[in-house]
């Protein structure tokens, strides 16, 4: 079982991240422990689809560069998620279904440029 995945973001980007992960995707923000909260960043609960919830931790990196190849992948209701992501103005790049037969998926970028993958249930 996976507990959390951590990605990075630049200093001062927390409000943009909250707007995307909570505002667009609907993932509740989790309180960070006080000793970690002083470092900045934010944590989100990723609802489990038929399994336990996981967490996405976003940490602040002074010399941040977006992850363009490495990425977390989330199992979601693919059509609903693609629609809300696209409606919010983020790109939806559908993957070729021949790459992983029987699995519809798309990629997008979070507000700071990190690549994310969303997979069909």
N, C-alpha and C. Protein backbone atom coordinates (compact mmCIF):
# COMPACT_ATOMS: atom_id res chain seq x y z
N UNK A 1 0.84 -1.17 0.00
CA UNK A 1 0.00 0.00 0.00
C UNK A 1 0.89 1.24 0.00
N UNK A 2 0.53 2.21 -0.78
CA UNK A 2 1.26 3.46 -0.88
C UNK A 2 0.67 4.48 0.09
N UNK A 3 1.50 5.13 0.88
CA UNK A 3 1.02 6.14 1.82
C UNK A 3 0.99 7.52 1.17
N UNK A 4 2.12 7.95 0.56
CA UNK A 4 2.14 9.25 -0.09
C UNK A 4 3.21 9.31 -1.16
N UNK A 5 3.05 10.30 -2.01
CA UNK A 5 4.02 10.66 -3.03
C UNK A 5 4.36 12.12 -2.79
N UNK A 6 5.63 12.48 -2.93
CA UNK A 6 6.00 13.88 -2.79
C UNK A 6 6.49 14.43 -4.12
N UNK A 7 6.01 15.61 -4.44
CA UNK A 7 6.49 16.35 -5.60
C UNK A 7 6.99 17.70 -5.08
N UNK A 8 7.65 18.46 -5.94
CA UNK A 8 8.23 19.73 -5.52
C UNK A 8 7.51 20.90 -6.18
N UNK A 9 7.71 22.07 -5.59
CA UNK A 9 7.12 23.31 -6.11
C UNK A 9 8.00 24.47 -5.68
N UNK A 10 7.88 25.61 -6.35
CA UNK A 10 8.69 26.77 -5.98
C UNK A 10 8.12 27.51 -4.77
N UNK A 11 8.95 28.27 -4.14
CA UNK A 11 8.55 29.11 -3.01
C UNK A 11 7.37 30.00 -3.40
N UNK A 12 6.39 30.08 -2.51
CA UNK A 12 5.26 30.98 -2.72
C UNK A 12 4.17 30.46 -3.64
N UNK A 13 4.20 29.20 -4.01
CA UNK A 13 3.22 28.66 -4.96
C UNK A 13 2.04 27.95 -4.29
N UNK A 14 2.00 27.94 -2.98
CA UNK A 14 0.98 27.16 -2.26
C UNK A 14 -0.45 27.52 -2.66
N UNK A 15 -0.77 28.79 -2.81
CA UNK A 15 -2.14 29.17 -3.17
C UNK A 15 -2.53 28.63 -4.55
N UNK A 16 -1.61 28.66 -5.50
CA UNK A 16 -1.91 28.10 -6.83
C UNK A 16 -2.10 26.60 -6.76
N UNK A 17 -1.32 25.95 -5.91
CA UNK A 17 -1.45 24.49 -5.75
C UNK A 17 -2.78 24.13 -5.10
N UNK A 18 -3.16 24.89 -4.08
CA UNK A 18 -4.46 24.66 -3.43
C UNK A 18 -5.60 24.86 -4.43
N UNK A 19 -5.50 25.89 -5.25
CA UNK A 19 -6.55 26.15 -6.24
C UNK A 19 -6.70 24.98 -7.20
N UNK A 20 -5.61 24.32 -7.54
CA UNK A 20 -5.67 23.18 -8.46
C UNK A 20 -6.07 21.89 -7.75
N UNK A 21 -5.30 21.50 -6.74
CA UNK A 21 -5.53 20.20 -6.11
C UNK A 21 -6.85 20.14 -5.32
N UNK A 22 -7.20 21.22 -4.65
CA UNK A 22 -8.47 21.25 -3.92
C UNK A 22 -9.57 21.84 -4.79
N UNK A 23 -9.31 22.99 -5.40
CA UNK A 23 -10.34 23.68 -6.18
C UNK A 23 -10.77 22.95 -7.43
N UNK A 24 -9.83 22.39 -8.18
CA UNK A 24 -10.16 21.68 -9.43
C UNK A 24 -10.42 20.20 -9.17
N UNK A 25 -9.47 19.53 -8.52
CA UNK A 25 -9.59 18.08 -8.33
C UNK A 25 -10.46 17.69 -7.14
N UNK A 26 -10.68 18.61 -6.21
CA UNK A 26 -11.52 18.31 -5.06
C UNK A 26 -10.83 17.52 -3.97
N UNK A 27 -9.50 17.52 -3.94
CA UNK A 27 -8.76 16.79 -2.93
C UNK A 27 -8.60 17.67 -1.70
N UNK A 28 -9.07 17.24 -0.54
CA UNK A 28 -8.97 18.06 0.67
C UNK A 28 -7.51 18.28 1.09
N UNK A 29 -7.24 19.50 1.54
CA UNK A 29 -5.91 19.77 2.08
C UNK A 29 -5.80 19.16 3.48
N UNK A 30 -4.66 18.62 3.78
CA UNK A 30 -4.37 18.04 5.09
C UNK A 30 -3.47 18.99 5.87
N UNK A 31 -3.68 19.11 7.16
CA UNK A 31 -2.77 19.95 7.95
C UNK A 31 -1.40 19.28 8.05
N UNK A 32 -0.36 20.07 7.87
CA UNK A 32 1.00 19.56 8.05
C UNK A 32 1.36 19.66 9.52
N UNK A 33 2.15 18.71 10.03
CA UNK A 33 2.63 18.84 11.40
C UNK A 33 3.38 20.17 11.57
N UNK A 34 3.24 20.83 12.72
CA UNK A 34 3.84 22.15 12.91
C UNK A 34 5.32 22.25 12.55
N UNK A 35 6.10 21.23 12.90
CA UNK A 35 7.54 21.29 12.60
C UNK A 35 7.81 21.25 11.09
N UNK A 36 6.91 20.66 10.32
CA UNK A 36 7.07 20.62 8.87
C UNK A 36 6.40 21.80 8.19
N UNK A 37 5.35 22.33 8.79
CA UNK A 37 4.60 23.44 8.19
C UNK A 37 5.48 24.67 8.00
N UNK A 38 6.46 24.87 8.85
CA UNK A 38 7.33 26.04 8.72
C UNK A 38 8.18 26.00 7.45
N UNK A 39 8.28 24.84 6.83
CA UNK A 39 9.05 24.69 5.59
C UNK A 39 8.24 25.10 4.35
N UNK A 40 6.95 25.36 4.53
CA UNK A 40 6.09 25.67 3.39
C UNK A 40 5.58 24.40 2.74
N UNK A 41 4.93 24.56 1.61
CA UNK A 41 4.35 23.43 0.91
C UNK A 41 2.97 23.10 1.44
N UNK A 42 2.37 22.06 0.93
CA UNK A 42 1.04 21.65 1.36
C UNK A 42 0.84 20.17 1.06
N UNK A 43 -0.09 19.57 1.79
CA UNK A 43 -0.42 18.15 1.65
C UNK A 43 -1.89 18.02 1.28
N UNK A 44 -2.20 16.99 0.49
CA UNK A 44 -3.58 16.74 0.07
C UNK A 44 -3.93 15.27 0.24
N UNK A 45 -5.19 15.01 0.56
CA UNK A 45 -5.68 13.63 0.63
C UNK A 45 -6.20 13.26 -0.75
N UNK A 46 -5.70 12.15 -1.28
CA UNK A 46 -6.13 11.63 -2.58
C UNK A 46 -7.11 10.50 -2.29
N UNK A 47 -8.39 10.71 -2.60
CA UNK A 47 -9.39 9.68 -2.30
C UNK A 47 -9.07 8.36 -3.01
N UNK A 48 -9.15 7.28 -2.26
CA UNK A 48 -8.92 5.96 -2.82
C UNK A 48 -10.10 5.54 -3.69
N UNK A 49 -9.82 4.91 -4.80
CA UNK A 49 -10.86 4.40 -5.69
C UNK A 49 -10.93 2.90 -5.48
N UNK A 50 -11.74 2.48 -4.50
CA UNK A 50 -11.84 1.06 -4.20
C UNK A 50 -10.75 0.57 -3.26
N UNK A 51 -9.99 1.48 -2.70
CA UNK A 51 -8.92 1.12 -1.78
C UNK A 51 -8.71 2.26 -0.80
N UNK A 52 -7.66 2.19 -0.01
CA UNK A 52 -7.42 3.24 0.98
C UNK A 52 -7.00 4.56 0.32
N UNK A 53 -7.26 5.65 1.03
CA UNK A 53 -6.80 6.95 0.57
C UNK A 53 -5.28 6.99 0.61
N UNK A 54 -4.71 7.89 -0.18
CA UNK A 54 -3.28 8.15 -0.16
C UNK A 54 -3.11 9.66 0.03
N UNK A 55 -1.88 10.11 0.05
CA UNK A 55 -1.60 11.53 0.21
C UNK A 55 -0.64 12.00 -0.87
N UNK A 56 -0.81 13.26 -1.26
CA UNK A 56 0.13 13.94 -2.14
C UNK A 56 0.76 15.04 -1.31
N UNK A 57 2.07 14.98 -1.14
CA UNK A 57 2.80 16.00 -0.40
C UNK A 57 3.54 16.87 -1.42
N UNK A 58 3.38 18.17 -1.29
CA UNK A 58 4.08 19.11 -2.16
C UNK A 58 5.07 19.87 -1.30
N UNK A 59 6.35 19.66 -1.57
CA UNK A 59 7.40 20.32 -0.80
C UNK A 59 8.01 21.46 -1.58
N UNK A 60 8.51 22.45 -0.87
CA UNK A 60 9.11 23.62 -1.49
C UNK A 60 10.59 23.35 -1.75
N UNK A 61 11.03 23.69 -2.96
CA UNK A 61 12.43 23.55 -3.37
C UNK A 61 12.93 24.90 -3.85
N UNK A 62 14.02 25.37 -3.26
CA UNK A 62 14.56 26.68 -3.62
C UNK A 62 14.96 26.75 -5.09
N UNK A 63 15.55 25.68 -5.60
CA UNK A 63 15.99 25.67 -7.00
C UNK A 63 15.05 24.80 -7.84
N UNK A 64 13.77 24.98 -7.65
CA UNK A 64 12.73 24.16 -8.27
C UNK A 64 12.82 24.15 -9.79
N UNK A 65 12.67 22.95 -10.34
CA UNK A 65 12.45 22.72 -11.78
C UNK A 65 11.32 21.72 -11.88
N UNK A 66 10.30 21.98 -12.69
CA UNK A 66 9.17 21.04 -12.78
C UNK A 66 9.61 19.67 -13.28
N UNK A 67 8.96 18.64 -12.75
CA UNK A 67 9.19 17.27 -13.22
C UNK A 67 8.42 17.09 -14.52
N UNK A 68 9.12 16.91 -15.62
CA UNK A 68 8.49 16.76 -16.93
C UNK A 68 8.35 15.31 -17.36
N UNK A 69 9.19 14.43 -16.85
CA UNK A 69 9.12 13.01 -17.19
C UNK A 69 8.58 12.22 -15.99
N UNK A 70 9.25 12.34 -14.85
CA UNK A 70 8.79 11.65 -13.64
C UNK A 70 7.43 12.22 -13.25
N UNK A 71 6.54 11.35 -12.76
CA UNK A 71 5.19 11.82 -12.42
C UNK A 71 4.45 10.79 -11.59
N UNK A 72 3.55 11.27 -10.72
CA UNK A 72 2.63 10.34 -10.07
C UNK A 72 1.47 10.06 -11.01
N UNK A 73 0.83 8.91 -10.82
CA UNK A 73 -0.36 8.55 -11.62
C UNK A 73 -1.48 8.22 -10.64
N UNK A 74 -2.66 8.75 -10.93
CA UNK A 74 -3.81 8.60 -10.04
C UNK A 74 -4.95 7.90 -10.77
N UNK A 75 -5.57 6.93 -10.11
CA UNK A 75 -6.73 6.23 -10.68
C UNK A 75 -7.97 7.06 -10.34
N UNK A 76 -8.71 7.41 -11.38
CA UNK A 76 -9.85 8.33 -11.25
C UNK A 76 -10.99 7.91 -12.18
N UNK A 77 -12.12 8.58 -12.04
CA UNK A 77 -13.15 8.52 -13.06
C UNK A 77 -12.62 9.39 -14.19
N UNK A 78 -12.13 8.78 -15.24
CA UNK A 78 -11.33 9.47 -16.25
C UNK A 78 -12.10 10.56 -17.00
N UNK A 79 -13.35 10.29 -17.36
CA UNK A 79 -14.11 11.29 -18.13
C UNK A 79 -14.46 12.50 -17.28
N UNK A 80 -14.85 12.28 -16.04
CA UNK A 80 -15.18 13.38 -15.14
C UNK A 80 -13.93 14.21 -14.87
N UNK A 81 -12.83 13.54 -14.56
CA UNK A 81 -11.59 14.26 -14.23
C UNK A 81 -11.07 15.03 -15.43
N UNK A 82 -11.08 14.43 -16.61
CA UNK A 82 -10.64 15.15 -17.82
C UNK A 82 -11.49 16.40 -18.04
N UNK A 83 -12.79 16.28 -17.84
CA UNK A 83 -13.69 17.42 -18.06
C UNK A 83 -13.40 18.55 -17.08
N UNK A 84 -13.21 18.23 -15.80
CA UNK A 84 -12.97 19.31 -14.83
C UNK A 84 -11.59 19.94 -15.03
N UNK A 85 -10.61 19.15 -15.39
CA UNK A 85 -9.27 19.67 -15.65
C UNK A 85 -9.30 20.61 -16.86
N UNK A 86 -9.94 20.15 -17.92
CA UNK A 86 -10.02 20.97 -19.14
C UNK A 86 -10.85 22.24 -18.93
N UNK A 87 -11.96 22.11 -18.23
CA UNK A 87 -12.81 23.27 -17.94
C UNK A 87 -12.05 24.32 -17.13
N UNK A 88 -11.16 23.87 -16.26
CA UNK A 88 -10.37 24.79 -15.44
C UNK A 88 -9.21 25.41 -16.23
N UNK A 89 -9.05 25.02 -17.49
CA UNK A 89 -8.03 25.63 -18.34
C UNK A 89 -6.69 24.93 -18.37
N UNK A 90 -6.64 23.72 -17.86
CA UNK A 90 -5.40 22.95 -17.90
C UNK A 90 -5.41 22.01 -19.10
N UNK A 91 -4.25 21.70 -19.66
CA UNK A 91 -4.22 20.82 -20.83
C UNK A 91 -4.59 19.39 -20.47
N UNK A 92 -5.27 18.72 -21.38
CA UNK A 92 -5.56 17.29 -21.25
C UNK A 92 -4.94 16.63 -22.47
N UNK A 93 -3.86 15.88 -22.24
CA UNK A 93 -3.14 15.21 -23.32
C UNK A 93 -3.42 13.71 -23.21
N UNK A 94 -4.30 13.22 -24.06
CA UNK A 94 -4.68 11.80 -24.03
C UNK A 94 -3.53 10.95 -24.55
N UNK A 95 -3.28 9.85 -23.87
CA UNK A 95 -2.24 8.89 -24.29
C UNK A 95 -2.83 7.91 -25.29
N UNK A 96 -1.98 7.38 -26.13
CA UNK A 96 -2.38 6.37 -27.11
C UNK A 96 -2.79 5.10 -26.34
N UNK A 97 -4.01 4.61 -26.58
CA UNK A 97 -4.49 3.42 -25.85
C UNK A 97 -3.71 2.17 -26.20
N UNK A 98 -2.97 2.19 -27.30
CA UNK A 98 -2.15 1.02 -27.67
C UNK A 98 -0.94 0.88 -26.74
N UNK A 99 -0.54 1.98 -26.10
CA UNK A 99 0.63 1.91 -25.21
C UNK A 99 0.38 1.00 -24.02
N UNK A 100 -0.78 1.14 -23.40
CA UNK A 100 -1.19 0.26 -22.29
C UNK A 100 -2.59 -0.23 -22.65
N UNK A 101 -2.69 -1.36 -23.33
CA UNK A 101 -3.99 -1.84 -23.81
C UNK A 101 -5.04 -1.91 -22.70
N UNK A 102 -6.22 -1.41 -23.02
CA UNK A 102 -7.33 -1.47 -22.08
C UNK A 102 -7.31 -0.41 -21.00
N UNK A 103 -6.40 0.53 -21.06
CA UNK A 103 -6.30 1.54 -20.00
C UNK A 103 -6.29 2.93 -20.63
N UNK A 104 -7.40 3.65 -20.46
CA UNK A 104 -7.45 5.04 -20.92
C UNK A 104 -6.75 5.91 -19.90
N UNK A 105 -5.99 6.89 -20.39
CA UNK A 105 -5.25 7.77 -19.49
C UNK A 105 -4.90 9.07 -20.18
N UNK A 106 -4.64 10.08 -19.37
CA UNK A 106 -4.19 11.35 -19.91
C UNK A 106 -3.18 11.97 -18.96
N UNK A 107 -2.44 12.93 -19.50
CA UNK A 107 -1.49 13.70 -18.71
C UNK A 107 -1.91 15.16 -18.71
N UNK A 108 -1.54 15.85 -17.65
CA UNK A 108 -1.71 17.29 -17.56
C UNK A 108 -0.55 17.81 -16.74
N UNK A 109 -0.52 19.12 -16.54
CA UNK A 109 0.51 19.74 -15.72
C UNK A 109 -0.17 20.50 -14.59
N UNK A 110 0.41 20.43 -13.40
CA UNK A 110 -0.14 21.22 -12.29
C UNK A 110 0.26 22.68 -12.50
N UNK A 111 -0.16 23.60 -11.65
CA UNK A 111 0.11 25.02 -11.87
C UNK A 111 1.57 25.42 -11.91
N UNK A 112 2.46 24.56 -11.40
CA UNK A 112 3.89 24.90 -11.44
C UNK A 112 4.64 24.07 -12.48
N UNK A 113 3.90 23.31 -13.30
CA UNK A 113 4.52 22.59 -14.41
C UNK A 113 4.85 21.14 -14.18
N UNK A 114 4.52 20.57 -13.03
CA UNK A 114 4.79 19.15 -12.79
C UNK A 114 3.82 18.30 -13.61
N UNK A 115 4.35 17.26 -14.24
CA UNK A 115 3.53 16.33 -15.02
C UNK A 115 2.74 15.42 -14.09
N UNK A 116 1.47 15.22 -14.42
CA UNK A 116 0.59 14.31 -13.68
C UNK A 116 -0.09 13.39 -14.66
N UNK A 117 -0.32 12.15 -14.26
CA UNK A 117 -1.04 11.19 -15.08
C UNK A 117 -2.32 10.77 -14.35
N UNK A 118 -3.39 10.63 -15.10
CA UNK A 118 -4.66 10.15 -14.58
C UNK A 118 -5.08 8.94 -15.39
N UNK A 119 -5.42 7.85 -14.68
CA UNK A 119 -5.76 6.58 -15.30
C UNK A 119 -7.22 6.23 -15.04
N UNK A 120 -7.80 5.56 -16.01
CA UNK A 120 -9.18 5.07 -15.87
C UNK A 120 -9.26 4.02 -14.78
N UNK A 121 -10.38 4.00 -14.08
CA UNK A 121 -10.59 3.01 -13.03
C UNK A 121 -10.51 1.61 -13.60
